[in-house]
Protein backbone atom coordinates (compact mmCIF):
# COMPACT_ATOMS: atom_id res chain seq x y z
CA MET A 1 40.03 14.74 -94.19
CA ASN A 2 38.79 16.79 -91.28
CA ARG A 3 39.77 20.46 -90.97
CA ARG A 4 42.28 19.92 -88.20
CA THR A 5 44.18 17.35 -90.29
CA ILE A 6 44.15 19.70 -93.27
CA LEU A 7 45.45 22.58 -91.16
CA ILE A 8 48.20 20.44 -89.65
CA ALA A 9 49.21 19.25 -93.13
CA ALA A 10 49.33 22.86 -94.32
CA ALA A 11 51.43 23.88 -91.33
CA LEU A 12 53.82 20.99 -91.86
CA MET A 13 54.20 21.98 -95.50
CA ALA A 14 55.03 25.54 -94.50
CA VAL A 15 57.56 24.32 -91.95
CA ALA A 16 59.16 21.94 -94.42
CA GLY A 17 59.32 24.68 -97.07
CA MET A 18 58.22 22.40 -99.88
CA GLU A 19 58.61 23.78 -103.38
CA ALA A 20 56.50 23.01 -106.44
CA GLY A 21 59.48 21.22 -108.06
CA ALA A 22 59.53 18.58 -105.32
CA GLN A 23 56.08 17.28 -106.29
CA ASP A 24 57.34 14.76 -108.85
CA LYS A 25 59.07 12.73 -106.12
CA LYS A 26 57.31 9.65 -104.83
CA GLY A 27 55.26 10.47 -101.72
CA ALA A 28 55.35 14.23 -102.28
CA ILE A 29 52.30 16.43 -101.82
CA SER A 30 50.34 16.60 -105.08
CA GLU A 31 48.45 19.54 -106.62
CA GLU A 32 45.20 17.77 -105.78
CA MET A 33 46.16 17.52 -102.13
CA LEU A 34 47.12 21.20 -102.03
CA LYS A 35 43.78 22.10 -103.59
CA GLU A 36 41.96 20.03 -100.96
CA ILE A 37 43.92 21.73 -98.18
CA ARG A 38 43.12 25.19 -99.54
CA THR A 39 39.40 24.50 -99.98
CA GLY A 40 39.14 22.79 -96.57
CA TYR A 41 40.16 25.95 -94.72
CA GLN A 42 37.02 27.99 -94.09
CA GLY A 43 38.43 30.75 -91.88
CA THR A 44 35.97 30.08 -89.09
CA PRO A 45 36.88 31.09 -85.51
CA SER A 46 37.74 27.48 -84.68
CA ASP A 47 39.95 27.24 -87.81
CA LYS A 48 41.74 30.44 -86.78
CA ALA A 49 42.22 29.14 -83.23
CA ILE A 50 43.70 25.89 -84.56
CA ARG A 51 45.94 27.84 -86.98
CA ASN A 52 47.17 30.04 -84.13
CA ALA A 53 47.85 27.00 -81.94
CA ILE A 54 49.81 25.35 -84.75
CA ASN A 55 51.81 28.52 -85.41
CA THR A 56 52.78 29.06 -81.79
CA THR A 57 53.26 25.51 -80.54
CA ALA A 58 56.28 23.26 -81.07
CA ILE A 59 55.69 20.29 -83.36
CA THR A 60 56.84 17.94 -80.59
CA VAL A 61 53.96 19.17 -78.43
CA LEU A 62 51.44 18.91 -81.29
CA ALA A 63 52.58 15.40 -82.18
CA ALA A 64 52.55 14.11 -78.60
CA ASN A 65 50.20 11.21 -77.95
CA GLU A 66 49.36 11.11 -74.25
CA GLU A 67 47.46 7.85 -74.54
CA ARG A 68 50.53 6.07 -75.94
CA ALA A 69 52.84 7.70 -73.39
CA ALA A 70 50.69 6.33 -70.56
CA MET A 71 51.13 2.81 -71.95
CA ILE A 72 54.94 2.82 -71.65
CA ASP A 73 56.12 0.32 -69.06
CA THR A 74 58.93 1.85 -67.00
CA HIS A 75 59.36 -1.19 -64.77
CA PHE A 76 62.78 -2.83 -64.96
CA SER A 77 62.78 -6.55 -64.36
CA ASP A 78 66.57 -6.99 -64.13
CA MET A 79 68.67 -5.12 -61.61
CA VAL A 80 72.42 -4.82 -62.07
CA LYS A 81 74.46 -4.75 -58.88
CA THR A 82 76.69 -1.71 -58.62
CA LYS A 83 79.28 -0.48 -56.19
CA GLY A 84 78.91 3.23 -56.84
CA ARG A 85 79.48 5.22 -59.99
CA THR A 86 82.38 7.02 -61.62
CA ASP A 87 81.94 10.41 -63.27
CA GLN A 88 82.94 10.79 -66.91
CA LYS A 89 82.74 14.62 -66.59
CA SER A 90 81.18 15.07 -70.07
CA SER A 91 84.09 13.31 -71.78
CA GLY A 92 81.85 11.45 -74.24
CA ARG A 93 82.95 8.06 -72.95
CA CYS A 94 79.77 7.05 -71.12
CA TRP A 95 79.82 3.65 -72.87
CA LEU A 96 83.24 2.96 -71.35
CA PHE A 97 82.38 4.15 -67.85
CA THR A 98 79.15 2.13 -67.84
CA GLY A 99 80.88 -1.06 -68.91
CA LEU A 100 83.71 -0.64 -66.41
CA ASN A 101 81.27 0.12 -63.57
CA VAL A 102 79.45 -3.16 -64.23
CA LEU A 103 82.76 -5.07 -64.33
CA ARG A 104 84.02 -3.24 -61.24
CA SER A 105 81.06 -4.44 -59.18
CA LYS A 106 81.75 -8.06 -60.13
CA VAL A 107 85.52 -7.78 -59.43
CA ILE A 108 84.94 -6.14 -56.03
CA GLU A 109 82.53 -8.93 -55.09
CA GLU A 110 84.73 -11.80 -56.33
CA ARG A 111 88.05 -10.45 -55.02
CA GLY A 112 86.77 -8.91 -51.80
CA LEU A 113 88.16 -5.48 -52.69
CA GLY A 114 87.15 -2.23 -51.04
CA ASP A 115 87.25 1.01 -52.99
CA PHE A 116 88.44 0.01 -56.44
CA THR A 117 88.24 1.66 -59.88
CA PHE A 118 89.38 0.50 -63.30
CA SER A 119 91.49 2.91 -65.36
CA GLN A 120 89.21 4.43 -67.99
CA ASN A 121 92.22 6.08 -69.65
CA TYR A 122 93.92 2.71 -70.15
CA VAL A 123 90.89 1.19 -71.86
CA PHE A 124 90.24 4.36 -73.88
CA PHE A 125 93.86 4.40 -75.14
CA TYR A 126 93.54 0.87 -76.50
CA ASP A 127 90.13 1.65 -77.97
CA GLN A 128 91.66 4.55 -79.90
CA LEU A 129 94.69 2.47 -80.86
CA GLU A 130 92.46 -0.24 -82.33
CA LYS A 131 90.39 2.34 -84.22
CA ALA A 132 93.58 3.86 -85.68
CA ASN A 133 94.81 0.38 -86.62
CA LEU A 134 91.50 -0.41 -88.34
CA PHE A 135 91.68 2.88 -90.27
CA LEU A 136 95.28 2.27 -91.36
CA GLN A 137 94.44 -1.29 -92.38
CA GLY A 138 91.65 0.13 -94.53
CA VAL A 139 94.15 2.51 -96.17
CA ILE A 140 96.56 -0.38 -96.82
CA ASP A 141 93.77 -2.54 -98.27
CA THR A 142 92.64 0.29 -100.53
């Protein structure tokens, strides 16, 4: 292993707070691996610079792979027609608003309606009613 890999492994161990008792688990860091990590660190200026970078940089930044990120295709091949959006106001029902907005566009087009909105509260009520019914049925079955 090169020094950078060894230093990153050591930093990840420190972050994870691994204890000696966890070494018997499958896939855990062994004594041999710890020994290799300790002997691989030479304390050179470049080792210290890498250690400082690891200590002061978020793991999400260290683990980022810019080459892979550049390969992500952000092109959408299918466009969904919409007739505006409705605001859920952080209610946690984005799934419901999204579905109703897609349906709304189709209904406006087919029925020749102007400004039209489905009732999210109506659909949400029946969603909750069905969830409660499922829960109660589970209680009955148990």
